[in-house]
Protein backbone atom coordinates (compact mmCIF):
# COMPACT_ATOMS: atom_id res chain seq x y z
CA MET A 1 19.56 12.93 -71.54
CA THR A 2 20.17 8.93 -70.94
CA ASP A 3 17.00 6.77 -71.59
CA LEU A 4 17.18 5.90 -68.15
CA THR A 5 16.88 9.49 -66.66
CA LEU A 6 14.22 10.56 -69.52
CA GLY A 7 12.26 7.71 -68.38
CA ALA A 8 12.37 8.81 -64.67
CA LEU A 9 11.15 12.48 -66.03
CA TYR A 10 8.46 11.00 -67.54
CA GLY A 11 7.00 8.69 -65.11
CA ALA A 12 7.46 11.80 -62.47
CA VAL A 13 5.68 14.46 -65.00
CA THR A 14 2.79 11.88 -65.09
CA LEU A 15 2.50 11.56 -61.48
CA VAL A 16 2.58 15.17 -60.92
CA VAL A 17 -0.28 16.07 -63.49
CA MET A 18 -2.38 13.17 -62.56
CA CYS A 19 -1.98 14.48 -59.15
CA SER A 20 -2.91 17.86 -59.74
CA GLY A 21 -6.72 16.54 -59.92
CA MET A 22 -6.55 16.85 -63.76
CA PRO A 23 -8.73 14.36 -65.75
CA ILE A 24 -6.97 11.00 -66.70
CA ALA A 25 -7.31 11.29 -70.66
CA PHE A 26 -6.04 15.29 -70.73
CA ALA A 27 -3.31 14.33 -68.32
CA LEU A 28 -1.67 11.87 -70.25
CA GLY A 29 -1.95 13.90 -73.71
CA VAL A 30 -0.80 16.95 -71.87
CA VAL A 31 2.32 14.99 -70.75
CA ALA A 32 2.44 13.71 -73.89
CA ILE A 33 2.38 16.66 -76.16
CA ASN A 34 5.05 18.44 -73.94
CA PHE A 35 7.50 15.30 -74.33
CA MET A 36 6.57 15.95 -78.34
CA TYR A 37 7.69 19.24 -78.01
CA PHE A 38 10.75 19.12 -75.75
CA PHE A 39 12.39 16.11 -77.14
CA MET A 40 11.02 14.77 -80.28
CA PRO A 41 11.45 16.79 -83.57
CA ALA A 42 9.42 20.21 -84.25
CA SER A 43 7.23 18.29 -87.29
CA SER A 44 6.26 15.86 -84.94
CA LEU A 45 3.19 18.00 -82.96
CA ASP A 46 1.88 18.22 -86.94
CA THR A 47 1.07 14.76 -86.62
CA VAL A 48 -0.54 14.81 -82.84
CA THR A 49 -4.23 14.01 -84.58
CA GLN A 50 -3.05 12.12 -87.33
CA ASN A 51 -0.91 9.40 -84.65
CA VAL A 52 -4.18 9.37 -82.33
CA TYR A 53 -6.35 8.66 -85.24
CA GLU A 54 -4.03 6.25 -86.64
CA GLU A 55 -3.74 4.43 -83.33
CA MET A 56 -7.21 4.25 -82.65
CA ALA A 57 -8.59 3.31 -86.25
CA SER A 58 -9.08 -0.26 -85.03
CA ILE A 59 -12.09 -2.60 -86.05
CA THR A 60 -11.48 -4.02 -82.66
CA LEU A 61 -12.10 -0.84 -80.96
CA LEU A 62 -15.16 0.06 -83.03
CA SER A 63 -17.03 -2.60 -80.89
CA ILE A 64 -16.34 -0.61 -77.69
CA PRO A 65 -19.15 1.18 -78.25
CA LEU A 66 -21.49 -0.92 -79.33
CA PHE A 67 -20.79 -2.92 -76.36
CA ILE A 68 -21.68 0.14 -73.90
CA LEU A 69 -25.15 0.66 -75.97
CA LYS A 70 -25.87 -3.20 -75.01
CA GLY A 71 -25.08 -2.52 -71.18
CA ALA A 72 -26.72 0.99 -71.23
CA ALA A 73 -30.13 -0.51 -72.68
CA ILE A 74 -29.86 -3.52 -69.96
CA GLY A 75 -28.80 -1.24 -67.04
CA LYS A 76 -31.30 1.31 -67.90
CA SER A 77 -34.25 -0.44 -68.02
CA PRO A 78 -35.86 -2.54 -65.17
CA ALA A 79 -34.11 -5.63 -66.31
CA GLY A 80 -31.28 -5.93 -64.10
CA LYS A 81 -34.14 -5.59 -60.90
CA ASP A 82 -35.96 -8.16 -62.96
CA LEU A 83 -32.95 -10.40 -63.22
CA TYR A 84 -31.67 -10.27 -59.69
CA SER A 85 -35.64 -10.73 -58.36
CA ALA A 86 -35.81 -13.91 -60.75
CA ILE A 87 -32.64 -15.43 -59.80
CA HIS A 88 -33.43 -14.58 -55.51
CA THR A 89 -36.59 -16.62 -55.98
CA TRP A 90 -34.92 -19.52 -56.78
CA LEU A 91 -32.02 -19.60 -54.52
CA HIS A 92 -34.04 -18.11 -51.72
CA LYS A 93 -33.34 -21.50 -48.96
CA ILE A 94 -30.09 -22.07 -49.37
CA PRO A 95 -27.71 -20.18 -46.57
CA GLY A 96 -27.06 -16.74 -47.52
CA GLY A 97 -28.88 -17.33 -50.73
CA LEU A 98 -29.48 -13.88 -51.21
CA GLY A 99 -26.02 -12.93 -51.49
CA ILE A 100 -25.56 -16.05 -53.93
CA ALA A 101 -28.38 -14.34 -55.86
CA ASN A 102 -26.49 -11.37 -56.36
CA VAL A 103 -23.10 -12.63 -57.11
CA PHE A 104 -25.03 -14.74 -60.34
CA ALA A 105 -26.80 -12.06 -61.30
CA CYS A 106 -24.07 -9.64 -61.25
CA ALA A 107 -21.85 -12.36 -62.99
CA LEU A 108 -24.65 -12.83 -65.83
CA PHE A 109 -25.50 -8.85 -66.20
CA ALA A 110 -21.62 -8.35 -66.67
CA ALA A 111 -21.58 -11.12 -69.35
CA MET A 112 -24.04 -8.68 -71.01
CA ALA A 113 -22.83 -5.72 -70.24
CA GLY A 114 -19.15 -5.62 -70.07
CA SER A 115 -18.82 -2.96 -67.76
CA SER A 116 -18.45 -2.98 -63.63
CA PRO A 117 -19.73 0.43 -62.81
CA ALA A 118 -22.59 -0.62 -64.69
CA THR A 119 -22.98 -4.20 -63.51
CA CYS A 120 -22.60 -2.28 -60.02
CA SER A 121 -25.43 0.41 -60.13
CA ALA A 122 -28.00 -1.99 -61.94
CA ILE A 123 -27.46 -5.09 -59.54
CA GLY A 124 -26.95 -3.29 -56.16
CA SER A 125 -29.78 -0.71 -56.96
CA ALA A 126 -31.74 -3.28 -55.94
CA GLY A 127 -29.44 -6.03 -54.28
CA ILE A 128 -28.14 -3.89 -51.44
CA PRO A 129 -31.14 -2.08 -49.88
CA GLU A 130 -32.88 -5.85 -50.15
CA MET A 131 -29.88 -7.61 -48.55
CA ARG A 132 -30.16 -4.75 -45.95
CA LYS A 133 -33.70 -5.22 -45.26
CA ARG A 134 -33.11 -8.77 -44.30
CA GLY A 135 -31.33 -8.57 -42.00
CA TYR A 136 -27.25 -8.33 -44.31
CA SER A 137 -24.67 -5.91 -42.79
CA PRO A 138 -24.29 -2.79 -44.79
CA GLY A 139 -20.45 -3.71 -45.36
CA PHE A 140 -21.19 -7.57 -46.58
CA ALA A 141 -24.17 -6.08 -48.61
CA ALA A 142 -21.81 -3.23 -49.99
CA GLY A 143 -18.68 -5.77 -50.35
CA ILE A 144 -20.42 -8.77 -52.48
CA ILE A 145 -21.88 -6.14 -54.78
CA ALA A 146 -18.96 -3.96 -55.30
CA ALA A 147 -16.82 -7.27 -55.79
CA GLY A 148 -19.26 -9.03 -57.65
CA GLY A 149 -19.50 -5.85 -60.06
CA THR A 150 -15.81 -6.51 -61.23
CA LEU A 151 -16.80 -9.56 -62.94
CA GLY A 152 -17.74 -6.89 -65.70
CA ILE A 153 -14.06 -6.92 -66.86
CA LEU A 154 -13.77 -10.39 -66.70
CA LEU A 155 -16.67 -12.60 -68.26
CA PRO A 156 -17.08 -11.68 -72.15
CA PRO A 157 -17.70 -9.43 -73.51
CA SER A 158 -15.06 -7.68 -71.77
CA ILE A 159 -14.04 -4.20 -72.99
CA THR A 160 -11.04 -4.17 -70.81
CA MET A 161 -9.90 -7.51 -72.73
CA ILE A 162 -10.65 -5.90 -75.85
CA LEU A 163 -8.04 -2.88 -75.29
CA TYR A 164 -5.91 -5.65 -74.30
CA ALA A 165 -6.30 -7.88 -76.85
CA VAL A 166 -5.68 -4.38 -79.20
CA ALA A 167 -2.29 -3.71 -77.05
CA SER A 168 -0.89 -7.46 -76.95
CA GLU A 169 -1.88 -8.00 -80.50
CA GLN A 170 -3.56 -11.35 -79.33
CA SER A 171 -6.87 -13.01 -80.51
CA LEU A 172 -9.88 -11.87 -78.79
CA GLY A 173 -11.86 -14.89 -79.26
CA ARG A 174 -9.48 -16.77 -77.40
CA LEU A 175 -9.25 -14.04 -75.03
CA PHE A 176 -12.69 -14.32 -73.97
CA LEU A 177 -13.03 -18.04 -73.95
CA ALA A 178 -9.97 -17.38 -71.37
CA GLY A 179 -11.66 -15.23 -69.39
CA ILE A 180 -14.80 -17.71 -68.74
CA GLY A 181 -13.18 -20.30 -66.39
CA PRO A 182 -11.74 -17.66 -64.48
CA GLY A 183 -14.99 -15.96 -64.14
CA THR A 184 -16.86 -18.75 -62.85
CA LEU A 185 -14.00 -19.68 -60.33
CA LEU A 186 -14.59 -16.00 -59.06
CA VAL A 187 -17.98 -16.84 -58.95
CA ALA A 188 -17.96 -19.97 -56.78
CA LEU A 189 -15.47 -17.94 -54.58
CA PHE A 190 -17.43 -15.48 -53.76
CA ALA A 191 -20.61 -17.10 -53.72
CA GLY A 192 -19.07 -20.04 -51.04
CA TYR A 193 -17.96 -16.53 -48.87
CA ALA A 194 -21.38 -15.51 -48.72
CA VAL A 195 -22.73 -18.81 -47.76
CA PHE A 196 -19.93 -18.66 -44.89
CA ARG A 197 -20.79 -14.96 -43.65
CA ALA A 198 -24.26 -15.39 -43.77
CA ARG A 199 -24.00 -18.12 -41.77
CA LYS A 200 -21.94 -16.63 -39.33
CA GLU A 201 -24.34 -13.49 -39.43
CA TYR A 202 -27.29 -15.54 -38.92
CA GLY A 203 -25.62 -17.22 -35.70
CA MET A 204 -24.86 -13.72 -33.91
CA ALA A 205 -28.33 -12.49 -35.16
CA LYS A 206 -29.86 -15.76 -33.30
CA ALA A 207 -27.84 -15.73 -30.14
CA ILE A 208 -28.58 -12.32 -29.71
CA TYR A 209 -32.32 -13.10 -29.75
CA GLU A 210 -31.95 -16.06 -27.73
CA ALA A 211 -30.58 -13.33 -24.90
CA GLY A 212 -33.35 -11.54 -25.09
CA GLY A 213 -32.57 -8.95 -27.56
CA ALA A 214 -34.18 -7.75 -30.68
CA LYS A 215 -35.27 -10.24 -33.47
CA SER A 216 -32.82 -9.54 -36.37
CA PRO A 217 -35.04 -9.69 -40.09
CA TYR A 218 -32.46 -12.31 -40.63
CA LEU A 219 -34.21 -14.74 -38.86
CA ASP A 220 -37.30 -14.70 -40.86
CA THR A 221 -37.93 -16.58 -43.39
CA GLU A 222 -39.65 -16.55 -46.76
CA HIS A 223 -41.80 -18.62 -49.15
CA PHE A 224 -42.32 -19.09 -52.24
CA THR A 225 -44.69 -21.34 -53.94
CA ALA A 226 -43.89 -23.49 -57.10
CA ARG A 227 -46.07 -21.46 -58.69
CA GLU A 228 -44.56 -18.13 -58.38
CA LYS A 229 -41.12 -19.64 -59.28
CA VAL A 230 -42.51 -20.58 -62.40
CA GLU A 231 -43.70 -17.32 -62.91
CA MET A 232 -39.97 -15.70 -62.76
CA LEU A 233 -38.73 -17.88 -65.48
CA PRO A 234 -39.46 -15.72 -68.08
CA ARG A 235 -37.91 -13.03 -66.86
CA VAL A 236 -34.49 -14.67 -66.88
CA LEU A 237 -34.94 -16.40 -70.26
CA PRO A 238 -34.75 -13.08 -72.42
CA PHE A 239 -31.31 -12.39 -70.72
CA ILE A 240 -29.95 -16.77 -71.40
CA VAL A 241 -31.30 -15.76 -75.33
CA LEU A 242 -29.36 -12.89 -75.66
CA LEU A 243 -26.28 -14.24 -74.35
CA ILE A 244 -26.24 -17.72 -75.97
CA GLY A 245 -27.00 -15.68 -79.19
CA VAL A 246 -24.14 -13.30 -78.96
CA MET A 247 -21.98 -16.30 -78.10
CA VAL A 248 -22.78 -18.58 -80.95
CA ALA A 249 -22.79 -15.51 -83.43
CA LEU A 250 -18.93 -15.06 -81.81
CA TYR A 251 -17.77 -18.76 -81.22
CA GLY A 252 -19.32 -20.40 -84.38
CA GLY A 253 -17.66 -17.84 -86.57
CA TYR A 254 -20.74 -16.30 -87.57
CA ALA A 255 -19.69 -12.57 -87.01
CA THR A 256 -16.61 -11.37 -85.84
CA PRO A 257 -16.09 -9.41 -82.35
CA SER A 258 -17.03 -6.01 -83.65
CA GLU A 259 -20.67 -7.68 -85.59
CA THR A 260 -21.08 -9.70 -82.56
CA ALA A 261 -21.04 -6.02 -80.54
CA GLY A 262 -23.49 -4.98 -82.99
CA LEU A 263 -25.84 -7.52 -83.14
CA GLY A 264 -25.77 -8.08 -79.16
CA ALA A 265 -26.85 -4.44 -78.98
CA LEU A 266 -29.53 -4.78 -81.38
CA LEU A 267 -30.76 -7.55 -79.64
CA ALA A 268 -30.57 -5.69 -76.55
CA LEU A 269 -32.72 -2.97 -77.63
CA VAL A 270 -35.12 -5.84 -79.07
CA LEU A 271 -35.50 -7.12 -75.72
CA ILE A 272 -36.28 -3.99 -73.72
CA ALA A 273 -38.80 -2.83 -76.38
CA LEU A 274 -40.63 -6.29 -76.42
CA VAL A 275 -40.18 -6.98 -72.54
CA TYR A 276 -40.36 -3.63 -70.91
CA LYS A 277 -42.22 -1.63 -73.51
CA VAL A 278 -38.98 0.78 -73.82
CA TRP A 279 -39.15 2.00 -77.74
CA ARG A 280 -40.41 5.60 -77.72
CA PRO A 281 -37.86 8.26 -77.97
CA LYS A 282 -38.39 9.16 -74.54
CA ASP A 283 -37.44 6.24 -73.26
CA LEU A 284 -34.52 5.26 -75.57
CA SER A 285 -33.26 9.15 -75.04
CA PRO A 286 -31.24 7.95 -71.38
CA ILE A 287 -30.09 5.38 -72.87
CA LEU A 288 -28.33 6.67 -75.82
CA ALA A 289 -27.18 9.67 -73.83
CA ALA A 290 -25.29 7.43 -71.24
CA THR A 291 -23.62 5.14 -74.38
CA VAL A 292 -22.49 8.62 -75.68
CA LYS A 293 -21.27 10.06 -72.69
CA GLU A 294 -19.77 6.85 -71.69
CA SER A 295 -18.09 5.79 -74.92
CA THR A 296 -16.71 9.50 -75.73
CA MET A 297 -15.23 9.38 -72.09
CA LEU A 298 -13.38 5.75 -72.45
CA LEU A 299 -12.69 6.91 -76.43
CA LEU A 300 -10.67 9.62 -75.26
CA ILE A 301 -8.84 7.99 -72.50
CA ILE A 302 -7.46 4.99 -75.02
CA GLY A 303 -6.83 8.08 -77.70
CA MET A 304 -4.62 9.84 -75.26
CA SER A 305 -3.27 6.68 -73.21
CA LEU A 306 -2.07 5.52 -77.29
CA LEU A 307 -0.73 8.91 -77.67
CA TYR A 308 1.20 8.67 -74.64
CA SER A 309 2.77 5.28 -75.30
CA TYR A 310 3.89 6.41 -78.89
CA VAL A 311 5.73 8.78 -77.58
CA MET A 312 6.83 6.38 -74.55
CA SER A 313 7.78 4.52 -77.27
CA TYR A 314 9.30 6.98 -79.93
CA LEU A 315 11.34 8.02 -76.86
CA HIS A 316 12.38 4.34 -76.38
CA ILE A 317 11.59 4.59 -72.93
CA SER A 318 9.44 1.47 -73.18
CA GLN A 319 11.83 -0.41 -74.91
CA SER A 320 14.77 0.83 -72.32
CA ALA A 321 12.35 -0.06 -69.64
CA ALA A 322 11.62 -3.64 -70.80
CA GLN A 323 15.11 -4.59 -71.43
CA TRP A 324 16.26 -3.36 -68.05
CA VAL A 325 13.73 -5.51 -66.80
CA VAL A 326 15.57 -8.41 -68.83
CA ASP A 327 19.12 -7.32 -67.47
CA MET A 328 17.96 -7.91 -63.92
CA HIS A 329 17.76 -11.72 -64.97
CA LEU A 330 14.95 -12.35 -62.52
CA SER A 331 13.66 -15.95 -62.42
CA ARG A 332 10.36 -16.26 -64.37
CA TRP A 333 7.57 -16.01 -61.35
CA VAL A 334 9.64 -13.24 -59.45
CA LEU A 335 9.51 -11.46 -62.38
CA LEU A 336 5.95 -12.29 -62.71
CA SER A 337 5.52 -11.11 -58.96
CA VAL A 338 7.25 -7.74 -60.00
CA ILE A 339 4.89 -6.92 -62.77
CA LEU A 340 1.83 -7.66 -60.97
CA LEU A 341 2.94 -6.04 -57.45
CA MET A 342 3.41 -3.05 -60.24
CA VAL A 343 -0.03 -3.46 -61.56
CA VAL A 344 -1.43 -3.72 -58.20
CA VAL A 345 0.53 -0.04 -57.30
CA PHE A 346 -1.11 1.59 -60.90
CA GLY A 347 -4.47 0.36 -59.62
CA PHE A 348 -4.30 2.53 -56.76
CA PHE A 349 -4.37 5.48 -59.05
CA LEU A 350 -5.42 4.52 -62.59
CA PRO A 351 -8.38 2.06 -64.39
CA PRO A 352 -7.50 -0.53 -66.51
CA VAL A 353 -8.37 1.02 -69.30
CA SER A 354 -5.14 3.42 -68.84
CA ILE A 355 -3.19 0.73 -67.01
CA ILE A 356 -3.20 -1.84 -69.97
CA LEU A 357 -2.29 1.12 -72.64
CA MET A 358 0.38 2.75 -70.59
CA THR A 359 2.38 -0.75 -69.36
CA ALA A 360 2.21 -3.17 -71.89
CA PRO A 361 4.93 -1.77 -74.02
CA ILE A 362 7.12 -2.59 -70.97
CA ILE A 363 5.91 -5.56 -69.20
CA LEU A 364 4.66 -7.62 -72.56
CA PRO A 365 8.30 -8.06 -74.07
CA PRO A 366 9.96 -9.50 -70.76
CA LEU A 367 7.20 -12.01 -70.10
CA LYS A 368 6.84 -13.20 -73.46
CA ALA A 369 10.66 -13.40 -73.51
CA ALA A 370 10.50 -15.73 -69.99
CA GLY A 371 8.00 -17.65 -71.73
CA PHE A 372 4.83 -16.87 -70.46
CA ASP A 373 1.50 -17.20 -72.40
CA LEU A 374 0.25 -13.75 -73.02
CA ILE A 375 -3.44 -14.73 -73.44
CA TRP A 376 -3.04 -16.39 -69.79
CA PHE A 377 -1.24 -13.49 -68.48
CA GLY A 378 -4.10 -11.08 -70.01
CA ILE A 379 -6.34 -13.12 -67.39
CA VAL A 380 -4.09 -12.85 -64.59
CA MET A 381 -3.30 -9.20 -65.14
CA THR A 382 -7.57 -8.97 -65.55
CA VAL A 383 -8.23 -10.37 -62.05
CA VAL A 384 -5.54 -8.21 -61.04
CA MET A 385 -6.85 -5.22 -62.10
CA GLU A 386 -10.08 -6.05 -60.55
CA MET A 387 -8.51 -6.26 -57.33
CA GLY A 388 -7.62 -2.83 -58.16
CA LEU A 389 -11.82 -1.62 -58.45
CA ILE A 390 -12.40 -2.34 -55.10
CA HIS A 391 -9.09 -1.40 -53.03
CA PRO A 392 -8.57 2.30 -51.83
CA PRO A 393 -7.99 5.17 -52.70
CA VAL A 394 -9.35 5.11 -55.92
CA GLY A 395 -11.12 1.78 -56.11
CA LEU A 396 -14.14 2.74 -58.64
CA ASN A 397 -16.77 0.58 -57.35
CA ILE A 398 -16.17 1.72 -54.20
CA PHE A 399 -17.52 5.24 -55.48
CA VAL A 400 -20.34 3.41 -56.95
CA ILE A 401 -21.33 1.98 -54.16
CA LYS A 402 -21.52 5.26 -52.21
CA ASN A 403 -23.80 6.65 -54.96
CA ILE A 404 -25.92 3.90 -54.96
CA ALA A 405 -26.25 3.73 -51.17
CA PRO A 406 -24.73 7.05 -49.40
CA ASP A 407 -25.99 6.19 -46.17
CA ILE A 408 -23.35 3.49 -45.55
CA PRO A 409 -20.27 4.93 -44.32
CA LEU A 410 -17.07 4.42 -46.58
CA LYS A 411 -15.34 2.73 -43.94
CA GLU A 412 -17.62 -0.14 -43.73
CA VAL A 413 -17.78 -0.15 -47.70
CA ILE A 414 -13.71 -0.35 -47.55
CA ARG A 415 -14.31 -2.97 -44.54
CA GLY A 416 -16.70 -5.16 -46.59
CA VAL A 417 -14.61 -5.42 -49.68
CA MET A 418 -11.44 -6.48 -47.88
CA PRO A 419 -12.30 -10.35 -48.03
CA PHE A 420 -12.72 -10.19 -51.52
CA LEU A 421 -9.80 -9.11 -52.39
CA GLY A 422 -8.05 -12.10 -50.56
CA LEU A 423 -10.58 -14.44 -52.85
CA MET A 424 -9.47 -12.32 -55.79
CA PHE A 425 -5.96 -13.13 -54.85
CA LEU A 426 -6.37 -16.78 -54.01
CA ALA A 427 -7.84 -16.92 -57.78
CA VAL A 428 -4.51 -15.30 -59.00
CA VAL A 429 -2.24 -18.06 -57.27
CA LEU A 430 -4.97 -20.84 -58.68
CA LEU A 431 -4.26 -19.53 -61.82
CA CYS A 432 -0.26 -19.31 -61.07
CA VAL A 433 -0.37 -23.16 -60.07
CA PHE A 434 -3.06 -24.33 -62.81
CA PRO A 435 -3.05 -22.35 -65.60
CA ALA A 436 -5.43 -24.46 -67.45
CA ILE A 437 -8.26 -22.81 -65.61
CA ALA A 438 -7.68 -19.93 -68.28
CA THR A 439 -6.14 -21.76 -71.21
CA GLY A 440 -8.21 -25.33 -71.75
CA LEU A 441 -11.30 -23.83 -72.91
CA PRO A 442 -9.88 -21.60 -75.67
CA ASP A 443 -7.18 -24.26 -76.55
CA MET A 444 -10.02 -27.16 -76.50
CA MET A 445 -12.70 -24.94 -78.79
CA MET A 446 -9.78 -23.01 -81.14
CA GLY A 447 -6.91 -25.42 -81.17
CA VAL A 448 -3.44 -25.21 -79.12
CA LYS A 449 -1.98 -22.09 -79.49
CA ASN A 450 1.50 -22.48 -81.03
């Protein structure tokens, strides 16, 4: 059997097993083990556990459960709601200020949690009801939270970037720095759209009211005194201290990424203990349970994905596919477009974790040969995978929104996220035209990459 035929069979069997409804981790493991049985030496089955262990025995992967613990500590406490309320108090006078407050709250929470679903759930549970109460359309309220939640895999510390650093053998610190510029760009684009959409909805509500219709809550004005605004600042200060503490430890060279993850988790637990009195065993139990559940699920997916990639490499499927792409002699930008289109298609069915670990052996060698900076590509790929989190049929954040706002029809949620998909595509174009948006900060702080 040729490598091409074997690769096609490998992909077809994977697709069939995944479409059967089997959980992703088990689907990848079943495919990998069956191909080991039929196409690899019989002794290879005796080394499955050893291979999985060796692939996962990475000090970088150790940081994942610790970052998840930090996110759970913030997400399972009133911290997310307090952060949102404080930002809203200061931005309420700006057109669309409530939408902007949600974007900023998502960005800050994402920078501490590193998880898109956690960001969606923590900020959306408070933000969506507040926006709807003030007249925002259900689709817009759902869309801005779903899109804001995607910042969790772009702004450092990002679990997705940790996995990309492992798969591509790139500097994690440089990747984290490279995510700050594009993350800020997306925050600005989302906030700009919030202002535009809010002005449009305000105008429609005003026209209906002037024509004799019902008065929308959109037309009501809120007032906060200077004292109330100042009193809200302490609610944000602990988050800023936590964020700065982690960043200084990492980029100041005081701690490795794994040590920084541990420091962040410890600071988060101290924060919720001091500010929210969350320290009793019954209070910590949901946090620890959520951490164990999410870490186990994620690490199982990672382990099976790595085994899947190992089999693909052993059978020369990934090398042959990469060589096939190179032999097509595509121009570098056409090559990039084809690869990103493939990532988009995978995003219909797979989470970012599986996409990275399954495709890295195939797509990275041709991109490196074409002269693309793999740090820059990691950021571009992350933005494209962010799109996968909010586009149907499997967009994870869409279903998180449905869980916290079940009365919003699914079609309204999907309609609400579509403009944000366009903004993310615009961000990808800008990153291609101006790569320094991603590479400028790491080059400035860590030196130009050789």
